């Protein structure tokens, strides 16, 4: 290996090390602080894990409000992801396999909906939820979450369906299969990595969402986990160590999903980017 290659390798791994520190340090600090007490953070400030205790986690896991918000987030994110993946499959299939007038225009509308910031939509969506008597309900929040999870899932799945050969569906139709049977038995198994990656990404988007939940569900019993974490801070106190414990628990399901499904996410995004 010549000097030029050695210098490039040193530079490359140095950059990777800096990126790793930049990405991993917030996670490390969050976990480290979550094991400390509020008083020890001021009496013994340190980035090192010192004076570690389970007090914050014990408080969180025995808090009815926290458990309730955790269950609300699981229900809302899980149901919204399931419905979003189902609708996204149907929409992406229609926009790529089927041929009808206005297909391209409809696809552009979905992309625009995907790119529209939530800050522009939360007021009209809150008004719609109120008019349909779905405010302060989990079903209302699920309905609102579909406004960004379905466009996200559709946008991602369009790339996967474009990579499929159209003759596969036509051959299944010739053999007597209906469109739904061709979709279920022929096309969906071919885009399985894409379905997994879309499910994980949409679940993450719904799990981390704060603005809609904060505006639509005012009742404490209907709060999701991000809102519960936000409400830990008051005008008089910001219990940072407790907030970090809540945040660590909130981050755990998403980290597990990404760890388990990382291979599918990489394969899915690569496949979806070929002709997307």
Foldseek 3Di string as FASTA:
>chain_A
DDPVVVVVVVVVVVVVVVVCCVVCLVVLQLVLLLQAFLVCCVVPPDSDNPPGHCVLVVCQVPDPLNVLQAVLLCVLLVVLLVVLLVLLLVLLCCLAQNDDPCSVVVLVVLVVLQPDDPVVVLVVLLVVCVVVVNFQHSVSLSVVLSSHLNSQSNLQCNLLSNLDDNVQQVVVVVVPDDSVCSCVPPVCVSLVLQSLLSSLVSSVCSLQDDDNQVRRNVDSSNHHLVVVLVVCDDPVDDRSNSSSNSVSVSCVVSVVSCVVSVVSNVVSNVSSPPRD
